Amino acid sequence: SLYQRIGLQEGDVIKRINSVDVSSPEKAFQVLSELKDEKVVTVDLVRGSQPRTLRYEVR
């Protein structure tokens, strides 16, 4: 799936996308739609009990 290809796993809780707080799936989709011109996207999440940051270069 797309989520697996970008490194997300089942159970991951996304907290921020490019430093913007994401409090709901709707907010996440809104933020993602606003990132179409960005070259780099960072996703701050919690996996298990560990905070992580994933970084993606958009081509």
C-alpha atoms as a PDB file:
ATOM      1  CA  SER A   1       0.000   0.000   0.000  1.00  0.00           C
ATOM      2  CA  LEU A   2       1.003   3.648  -0.263  1.00  0.00           C
ATOM      3  CA  TYR A   3       1.380   3.899   3.507  1.00  0.00           C
ATOM      4  CA  GLN A   4       3.824   0.980   3.593  1.00  0.00           C
ATOM      5  CA  ARG A   5       5.819   2.430   0.703  1.00  0.00           C
ATOM      6  CA  ILE A   6       6.320   5.688   2.572  1.00  0.00           C
ATOM      7  CA  GLY A   7       7.292   3.925   5.795  1.00  0.00           C
ATOM      8  CA  LEU A   8       4.086   4.106   7.837  1.00  0.00           C
ATOM      9  CA  GLN A   9       3.037   1.061   9.805  1.00  0.00           C
ATOM     10  CA  GLU A  10      -0.266  -0.074  11.256  1.00  0.00           C
ATOM     11  CA  GLY A  11      -0.720   1.579  14.639  1.00  0.00           C
ATOM     12  CA  ASP A  12       1.425   4.643  13.868  1.00  0.00           C
ATOM     13  CA  VAL A  13      -0.091   7.822  15.300  1.00  0.00           C
ATOM     14  CA  ILE A  14       0.734  10.878  13.186  1.00  0.00           C
ATOM     15  CA  LYS A  15       1.235  13.988  15.319  1.00  0.00           C
ATOM     16  CA  ARG A  16       2.640  16.590  12.886  1.00  0.00           C
ATOM     17  CA  ILE A  17       3.254  17.009   9.174  1.00  0.00           C
ATOM     18  CA  ASN A  18       5.897  19.644   8.361  1.00  0.00           C
ATOM     19  CA  SER A  19       5.541  20.970  11.928  1.00  0.00           C
ATOM     20  CA  VAL A  20       1.747  21.431  11.607  1.00  0.00           C
ATOM     21  CA  ASP A  21      -0.252  19.665  14.324  1.00  0.00           C
ATOM     22  CA  VAL A  22      -2.549  16.996  12.919  1.00  0.00           C
ATOM     23  CA  SER A  23      -5.393  16.269  15.321  1.00  0.00           C
ATOM     24  CA  SER A  24      -7.655  14.242  12.998  1.00  0.00           C
ATOM     25  CA  PRO A  25      -7.539  12.339   9.696  1.00  0.00           C
ATOM     26  CA  GLU A  26      -9.372  15.239   8.068  1.00  0.00           C
ATOM     27  CA  LYS A  27      -6.687  17.681   9.234  1.00  0.00           C
ATOM     28  CA  ALA A  28      -3.981  15.320   7.928  1.00  0.00           C
ATOM     29  CA  PHE A  29      -5.572  15.232   4.468  1.00  0.00           C
ATOM     30  CA  GLN A  30      -5.931  19.027   4.513  1.00  0.00           C
ATOM     31  CA  VAL A  31      -2.265  19.507   5.419  1.00  0.00           C
ATOM     32  CA  LEU A  32      -1.127  16.959   2.824  1.00  0.00           C
ATOM     33  CA  SER A  33      -3.136  18.663   0.092  1.00  0.00           C
ATOM     34  CA  GLU A  34      -1.384  21.944   0.926  1.00  0.00           C
ATOM     35  CA  LEU A  35       2.078  20.355   0.561  1.00  0.00           C
ATOM     36  CA  LYS A  36       1.918  19.705  -3.180  1.00  0.00           C
ATOM     37  CA  ASP A  37       4.725  22.187  -3.938  1.00  0.00           C
ATOM     38  CA  GLU A  38       7.017  21.108  -1.100  1.00  0.00           C
ATOM     39  CA  LYS A  39      10.291  19.337  -1.880  1.00  0.00           C
ATOM     40  CA  VAL A  40      10.662  17.751   1.570  1.00  0.00           C
ATOM     41  CA  VAL A  41       7.933  16.476   3.882  1.00  0.00           C
ATOM     42  CA  THR A  42       8.531  15.473   7.503  1.00  0.00           C
ATOM     43  CA  VAL A  43       6.090  13.379   9.501  1.00  0.00           C
ATOM     44  CA  ASP A  44       6.345  13.277  13.300  1.00  0.00           C
ATOM     45  CA  LEU A  45       4.634  10.214  14.718  1.00  0.00           C
ATOM     46  CA  VAL A  46       4.490   7.819  17.622  1.00  0.00           C
ATOM     47  CA  ARG A  47       5.208   4.158  16.907  1.00  0.00           C
ATOM     48  CA  GLY A  48       4.506   1.981  19.920  1.00  0.00           C
ATOM     49  CA  SER A  49       5.570   4.390  22.644  1.00  0.00           C
ATOM     50  CA  GLN A  50       8.514   5.825  20.708  1.00  0.00           C
ATOM     51  CA  PRO A  51       8.413   9.203  18.947  1.00  0.00           C
ATOM     52  CA  ARG A  52       9.851   9.114  15.418  1.00  0.00           C
ATOM     53  CA  THR A  53      10.335  11.509  12.546  1.00  0.00           C
ATOM     54  CA  LEU A  54      10.117  10.300   8.951  1.00  0.00           C
ATOM     55  CA  ARG A  55      11.515  12.515   6.191  1.00  0.00           C
ATOM     56  CA  TYR A  56      10.548  12.250   2.540  1.00  0.00           C
ATOM     57  CA  GLU A  57      11.940  13.934  -0.524  1.00  0.00           C
ATOM     58  CA  VAL A  58       9.173  14.619  -3.019  1.00  0.00           C
ATOM     59  CA  ARG A  59      10.067  14.097  -6.670  1.00  0.00           C
END
